Amino acid sequence: MAQVPLIAGVELGGTKCIAVLSSGPDAILEEVRVPTTRPEETLPALEAAMDKWRGVAAIGIASFGPVSIDPQSADYGKITSTPKPHWAGTDIARRLAARYGVPVGFHSDVVGAAMAEARWGAGQGLGDLAYVTVGTGVGAGMIAHGRPVDGLTHSEFGHIRPVRLPGDDWAGVCPYHGACVEGLAAGPAIAARTGIKGEDLPQDHEAWETVVGALSSLFATLTLTGVPRRIVLGGGVMVGNPWLLPRLRAATATSLNGYVALPAVADMETFIVPAALGGNAGPLGAVVLGAQALEDRTGAATGSLLRG
């Protein structure tokens, strides 16, 4: 049997960063967590831990963004126009590649979570999947044939403009688009509109209609791309309000109105599902990105790691 390589998976989050040394979901050998403060503090702290790891064959990075994922771009591997103070323009992928001399996979944190959920979580066995996180922001990542759906950059589905409910003219909170999906349905939007945090907002509050309307528009749009065989939902708003799921399924079905007449979509109970990996999705997704970077570099399959 081929030896399973050791992959360092790094999740860069808005409040904390997690790095793991792993050969799969049941074999996390090392883990380090550091607060996300300034790059000159956070990155050296991660590197100090990773410097002690031996036998690392590749590194995967799943980062908050936006990030530059085009290898042909001059700013590839960097966090770009992030609103997080001090991090715009920070080089991540090329920095770690130069330090450790191994293949590096780099993508957004939401795509990393999608990779992990497809490999080991709620989408296990499905190579075509969408992952949506609804928390501080709204992000969506898609994979097809087990790989991120890539092009010029990663998708920003959280910023599409949904159909507004009749009579609803609230401006939304997105600084770029106002009433986009994120500006209407993310945690800060719920709090700004109601004065109550999403996890504390009563189930019968009328503001949930706007949230359900915006998110179901997003789910219908993802479905109409023709890519996902399943939509997996994560993030604090979803986790804190499990009763939302049936309402979102029903609203998405209404929005589609039977247009995608396929069994996988018609059964909303299995088409739209909660995430399964919780806080491990990010670092494990980074592990998958690293394993794929190694496979791309060497042309050799990475053993049971990529087969799950």
Protein backbone atom coordinates (compact mmCIF):
# COMPACT_ATOMS: atom_id res chain seq x y z
CA MET A 1 0.00 0.00 0.00
CA ALA A 2 1.28 3.46 -0.91
CA GLN A 3 2.33 5.60 2.03
CA VAL A 4 -0.12 8.39 2.82
CA PRO A 5 1.71 11.73 2.79
CA LEU A 6 1.63 14.24 5.62
CA ILE A 7 -0.08 17.48 4.67
CA ALA A 8 -0.06 20.74 6.59
CA GLY A 9 -3.47 22.39 6.37
CA VAL A 10 -3.74 26.06 7.29
CA GLU A 11 -7.06 27.83 7.77
CA LEU A 12 -6.77 31.60 8.03
CA GLY A 13 -9.89 32.90 9.74
CA GLY A 14 -11.06 36.34 10.69
CA THR A 15 -10.54 35.78 14.42
CA LYS A 16 -8.20 32.79 14.60
CA CYS A 17 -5.93 30.70 12.41
CA ILE A 18 -5.62 26.92 12.68
CA ALA A 19 -2.82 24.78 11.29
CA VAL A 20 -2.93 20.98 11.37
CA LEU A 21 -0.54 18.25 10.34
CA SER A 22 -2.65 15.46 8.96
CA SER A 23 -2.93 12.39 6.80
CA GLY A 24 -6.74 12.44 6.83
CA PRO A 25 -9.76 13.28 8.99
CA ASP A 26 -8.98 10.65 11.60
CA ALA A 27 -5.25 11.32 11.65
CA ILE A 28 -4.62 14.89 12.81
CA LEU A 29 -1.20 14.52 14.36
CA GLU A 30 -0.55 18.13 15.37
CA GLU A 31 -2.67 21.24 15.73
CA VAL A 32 -1.91 24.85 16.56
CA ARG A 33 -4.26 27.81 16.95
CA VAL A 34 -3.18 31.44 16.96
CA PRO A 35 -5.27 34.62 17.06
CA THR A 36 -5.63 36.59 13.85
CA THR A 37 -4.16 39.94 14.81
CA ARG A 38 -1.70 41.58 12.41
CA PRO A 39 0.14 39.63 9.68
CA GLU A 40 3.53 40.36 11.22
CA GLU A 41 2.35 38.66 14.41
CA THR A 42 0.07 35.89 13.17
CA LEU A 43 2.13 34.44 10.32
CA PRO A 44 5.41 34.11 12.28
CA ALA A 45 3.46 32.39 15.08
CA LEU A 46 2.08 29.84 12.62
CA GLU A 47 5.50 29.33 11.05
CA ALA A 48 7.14 28.82 14.43
CA ALA A 49 4.83 25.86 15.02
CA MET A 50 5.08 24.48 11.50
CA ASP A 51 8.89 24.69 11.56
CA LYS A 52 8.84 21.83 14.08
CA TRP A 53 6.82 19.52 11.85
CA ARG A 54 8.81 16.90 9.99
CA GLY A 55 7.91 15.08 6.80
CA VAL A 56 5.50 17.66 5.41
CA ALA A 57 4.92 16.81 1.74
CA ALA A 58 2.65 19.75 0.88
CA ILE A 59 0.76 22.67 2.37
CA GLY A 60 -2.84 23.70 1.78
CA ILE A 61 -4.18 27.13 2.70
CA ALA A 62 -7.85 28.08 3.00
CA SER A 63 -8.04 31.80 3.73
CA PHE A 64 -10.52 34.55 4.42
CA GLY A 65 -10.58 36.87 1.50
CA PRO A 66 -11.00 37.98 -1.11
CA VAL A 67 -7.89 36.15 -2.26
CA SER A 68 -6.05 35.90 -5.57
CA ILE A 69 -6.16 32.30 -6.83
CA ASP A 70 -4.93 32.78 -10.41
CA PRO A 71 -1.37 31.38 -10.60
CA GLN A 72 -0.69 33.63 -13.60
CA SER A 73 -1.53 36.77 -11.63
CA ALA A 74 1.17 38.96 -10.12
CA ASP A 75 -0.69 38.95 -6.82
CA TYR A 76 -1.37 35.21 -6.74
CA GLY A 77 -1.43 33.81 -3.24
CA LYS A 78 -2.28 37.10 -1.60
CA ILE A 79 -5.23 38.34 0.39
CA THR A 80 -6.48 41.21 -1.74
CA SER A 81 -9.18 43.80 -0.95
CA THR A 82 -10.21 42.46 2.44
CA PRO A 83 -11.93 44.84 4.86
CA LYS A 84 -9.93 43.24 7.70
CA PRO A 85 -7.45 45.87 8.90
CA HIS A 86 -3.75 45.35 8.03
CA TRP A 87 -4.28 42.23 5.87
CA ALA A 88 -4.96 43.65 2.41
CA GLY A 89 -2.09 42.70 0.10
CA THR A 90 -0.63 40.13 2.48
CA ASP A 91 1.31 37.38 0.71
CA ILE A 92 0.41 33.92 2.03
CA ALA A 93 0.94 31.15 -0.52
CA ARG A 94 4.24 32.26 -2.03
CA ARG A 95 5.61 33.06 1.41
CA LEU A 96 4.96 29.54 2.73
CA ALA A 97 6.09 27.91 -0.54
CA ALA A 98 9.42 29.73 -0.33
CA ARG A 99 9.90 28.88 3.34
CA TYR A 100 9.13 25.17 3.13
CA GLY A 101 9.92 24.26 -0.47
CA VAL A 102 6.86 22.03 -0.97
CA PRO A 103 3.78 22.30 -3.22
CA VAL A 104 1.17 24.71 -1.89
CA GLY A 105 -2.56 24.74 -2.60
CA PHE A 106 -4.34 28.03 -1.99
CA HIS A 107 -8.00 29.00 -2.05
CA SER A 108 -10.77 30.77 -0.15
CA ASP A 109 -11.93 29.49 3.21
CA VAL A 110 -15.41 28.69 1.90
CA VAL A 111 -14.02 26.57 -0.94
CA GLY A 112 -11.80 24.81 1.59
CA ALA A 113 -14.87 23.97 3.65
CA ALA A 114 -16.61 22.72 0.51
CA MET A 115 -13.68 20.42 -0.25
CA ALA A 116 -13.74 18.95 3.24
CA GLU A 117 -17.51 18.44 3.32
CA ALA A 118 -17.36 16.71 -0.06
CA ARG A 119 -14.49 14.48 0.98
CA TRP A 120 -15.47 13.55 4.52
CA GLY A 121 -18.65 15.36 5.55
CA ALA A 122 -22.21 16.02 4.47
CA GLY A 123 -21.36 15.62 0.79
CA GLN A 124 -19.17 12.56 1.12
CA GLY A 125 -18.91 10.72 -2.16
CA LEU A 126 -20.13 13.67 -4.24
CA GLY A 127 -17.61 15.37 -6.49
CA ASP A 128 -20.02 18.21 -7.38
CA LEU A 129 -21.16 20.31 -4.46
CA ALA A 130 -21.90 23.81 -3.20
CA TYR A 131 -21.11 24.92 0.33
CA VAL A 132 -22.76 28.03 1.77
CA THR A 133 -21.78 29.67 5.02
CA VAL A 134 -24.14 32.14 6.69
CA GLY A 135 -22.54 33.91 9.60
CA THR A 136 -20.64 37.19 9.81
CA GLY A 137 -20.88 37.17 6.02
CA VAL A 138 -22.44 34.97 3.36
CA GLY A 139 -20.08 32.97 1.18
CA ALA A 140 -20.55 30.16 -1.29
CA GLY A 141 -17.99 27.83 -2.82
CA MET A 142 -18.52 25.25 -5.52
CA ILE A 143 -16.54 22.21 -6.54
CA ALA A 144 -16.97 20.09 -9.67
CA HIS A 145 -15.37 16.69 -10.23
CA GLY A 146 -13.67 17.07 -6.86
CA ARG A 147 -11.92 20.32 -7.77
CA PRO A 148 -12.73 23.98 -7.07
CA VAL A 149 -14.70 25.72 -9.81
CA ASP A 150 -12.03 28.23 -10.79
CA GLY A 151 -11.46 30.90 -13.38
CA LEU A 152 -10.41 34.50 -13.03
CA THR A 153 -11.12 34.42 -9.31
CA HIS A 154 -13.26 32.63 -6.75
CA SER A 155 -17.01 33.13 -6.74
CA GLU A 156 -18.73 35.81 -4.67
CA PHE A 157 -22.27 34.48 -4.67
CA GLY A 158 -22.98 36.16 -1.34
CA HIS A 159 -23.10 39.45 -3.19
CA ILE A 160 -25.76 38.66 -5.78
CA ARG A 161 -28.87 40.80 -5.53
CA PRO A 162 -31.92 38.68 -4.67
CA VAL A 163 -35.51 39.36 -5.60
CA ARG A 164 -36.89 41.61 -2.86
CA LEU A 165 -40.05 40.79 -0.99
CA PRO A 166 -43.01 43.04 -1.86
CA GLY A 167 -42.95 46.21 0.22
CA ASP A 168 -39.45 45.57 1.62
CA ASP A 169 -37.18 48.50 0.86
CA TRP A 170 -34.68 48.16 3.72
CA ALA A 171 -31.31 49.32 2.42
CA GLY A 172 -29.20 46.40 3.74
CA VAL A 173 -25.76 46.65 5.32
CA CYS A 174 -23.29 45.61 2.63
CA PRO A 175 -20.90 48.56 2.10
CA TYR A 176 -20.63 47.68 -1.60
CA HIS A 177 -24.12 46.57 -2.62
CA GLY A 178 -26.49 47.37 0.23
CA ALA A 179 -29.23 44.78 -0.17
CA CYS A 180 -27.28 41.86 -1.62
CA VAL A 181 -27.70 38.43 -0.01
CA GLU A 182 -24.99 39.18 2.55
CA GLY A 183 -26.40 42.64 3.18
CA LEU A 184 -29.80 41.15 3.97
CA ALA A 185 -29.15 37.75 5.55
CA ALA A 186 -25.77 37.69 7.32
CA GLY A 187 -25.58 37.93 11.09
CA PRO A 188 -24.70 41.66 11.13
CA ALA A 189 -27.62 42.37 8.77
CA ILE A 190 -30.07 40.61 11.08
CA ALA A 191 -28.73 42.52 14.08
CA ALA A 192 -28.77 45.87 12.25
CA ARG A 193 -32.34 45.39 11.09
CA THR A 194 -33.83 44.12 14.33
CA GLY A 195 -31.46 45.19 17.08
CA ILE A 196 -31.28 41.51 18.10
CA LYS A 197 -28.58 38.96 17.30
CA GLY A 198 -29.67 36.21 14.95
CA GLU A 199 -29.30 33.48 17.55
CA ASP A 200 -31.64 35.41 19.87
CA LEU A 201 -34.22 36.51 17.29
CA PRO A 202 -37.57 34.77 17.88
CA GLN A 203 -38.53 32.19 15.32
CA ASP A 204 -41.73 34.05 14.45
CA HIS A 205 -40.06 37.44 13.89
CA GLU A 206 -41.03 38.93 10.53
CA ALA A 207 -37.39 39.70 9.67
CA TRP A 208 -36.80 36.00 9.01
CA GLU A 209 -38.94 36.30 5.87
CA THR A 210 -36.30 38.55 4.33
CA VAL A 211 -33.52 36.18 5.37
CA VAL A 212 -35.31 33.17 3.92
CA GLY A 213 -36.13 35.06 0.73
CA ALA A 214 -32.54 36.19 0.16
CA LEU A 215 -30.96 32.82 0.95
CA SER A 216 -33.44 30.81 -1.10
CA SER A 217 -32.68 33.08 -4.06
CA LEU A 218 -29.02 32.24 -3.59
CA PHE A 219 -29.70 28.50 -3.36
CA ALA A 220 -31.84 28.59 -6.50
CA THR A 221 -29.08 30.46 -8.33
CA LEU A 222 -26.50 27.88 -7.27
CA THR A 223 -28.80 25.11 -8.44
CA LEU A 224 -29.25 26.78 -11.82
CA THR A 225 -25.50 26.77 -12.46
CA GLY A 226 -25.98 23.06 -13.04
CA VAL A 227 -23.02 22.15 -10.82
CA PRO A 228 -24.05 21.06 -7.31
CA ARG A 229 -25.58 17.69 -6.58
CA ARG A 230 -26.05 18.92 -3.02
CA ILE A 231 -25.94 22.23 -1.15
CA VAL A 232 -24.33 22.06 2.29
CA LEU A 233 -25.05 24.82 4.82
CA GLY A 234 -22.78 26.03 7.60
CA GLY A 235 -22.08 29.17 9.61
CA GLY A 236 -23.38 30.62 12.85
CA VAL A 237 -26.78 31.77 11.59
CA MET A 238 -27.57 28.27 10.32
CA VAL A 239 -26.16 26.42 13.32
CA GLY A 240 -27.95 28.67 15.78
CA ASN A 241 -31.34 28.32 14.09
CA PRO A 242 -31.87 24.74 12.89
CA TRP A 243 -35.57 25.41 12.29
CA LEU A 244 -34.52 27.62 9.35
CA LEU A 245 -33.62 24.60 7.24
CA PRO A 246 -37.18 23.40 6.46
CA ARG A 247 -38.21 26.94 5.55
CA LEU A 248 -35.23 27.35 3.24
CA ARG A 249 -35.93 24.05 1.53
CA ALA A 250 -39.54 25.00 0.90
CA ALA A 251 -38.67 28.49 -0.34
CA THR A 252 -35.97 27.16 -2.67
CA ALA A 253 -38.38 24.62 -4.14
CA THR A 254 -40.90 27.41 -4.69
CA SER A 255 -38.28 29.57 -6.39
CA LEU A 256 -37.22 26.77 -8.74
CA ASN A 257 -40.86 25.85 -9.42
CA GLY A 258 -39.95 22.41 -10.69
CA TYR A 259 -37.65 23.72 -13.43
CA VAL A 260 -34.69 21.46 -12.60
CA ALA A 261 -36.66 18.24 -12.90
CA LEU A 262 -34.07 15.86 -11.53
CA PRO A 263 -34.51 13.50 -8.56
CA ALA A 264 -31.41 14.84 -6.80
CA VAL A 265 -32.93 18.34 -6.74
CA ALA A 266 -36.55 17.37 -6.25
CA ASP A 267 -35.76 15.71 -2.92
CA MET A 268 -34.99 18.85 -0.92
CA GLU A 269 -34.42 16.78 2.22
CA THR A 270 -31.20 15.44 0.71
CA PHE A 271 -30.41 18.31 -1.66
CA ILE A 272 -30.06 21.03 1.00
CA VAL A 273 -28.42 19.69 4.16
CA PRO A 274 -26.54 20.94 7.23
CA ALA A 275 -22.76 20.73 7.35
CA ALA A 276 -21.26 17.80 9.21
CA LEU A 277 -17.67 18.75 10.05
CA GLY A 278 -18.21 21.85 12.16
CA GLY A 279 -15.02 23.69 13.03
CA ASN A 280 -12.86 21.05 11.37
CA ALA A 281 -14.12 21.85 7.87
CA GLY A 282 -11.67 24.70 7.30
CA PRO A 283 -8.39 23.02 8.27
CA LEU A 284 -9.43 19.69 6.74
CA GLY A 285 -10.35 21.48 3.53
CA ALA A 286 -6.91 23.03 3.54
CA VAL A 287 -5.47 19.51 3.87
CA VAL A 288 -7.36 18.46 0.73
CA LEU A 289 -6.07 21.53 -1.13
CA GLY A 290 -2.52 20.62 -0.12
CA ALA A 291 -2.97 17.01 -1.19
CA GLN A 292 -4.24 18.13 -4.59
CA ALA A 293 -1.29 20.49 -5.00
CA LEU A 294 1.03 17.56 -4.30
CA GLU A 295 -0.81 15.39 -6.80
CA ASP A 296 -0.59 18.13 -9.42
CA ARG A 297 3.15 18.53 -8.83
CA THR A 298 4.10 14.88 -8.80
CA GLY A 299 1.40 13.34 -10.96
CA ALA A 300 0.97 10.64 -8.31
CA ALA A 301 -2.21 9.94 -6.36
CA THR A 302 -1.92 10.81 -2.69
CA GLY A 303 -3.07 7.49 -1.34
CA SER A 304 -6.12 7.12 0.84
CA LEU A 305 -6.07 10.81 1.81
CA LEU A 306 -7.86 11.91 -1.35
CA ARG A 307 -10.05 8.84 -1.56
CA GLY A 308 -11.45 9.46 1.92
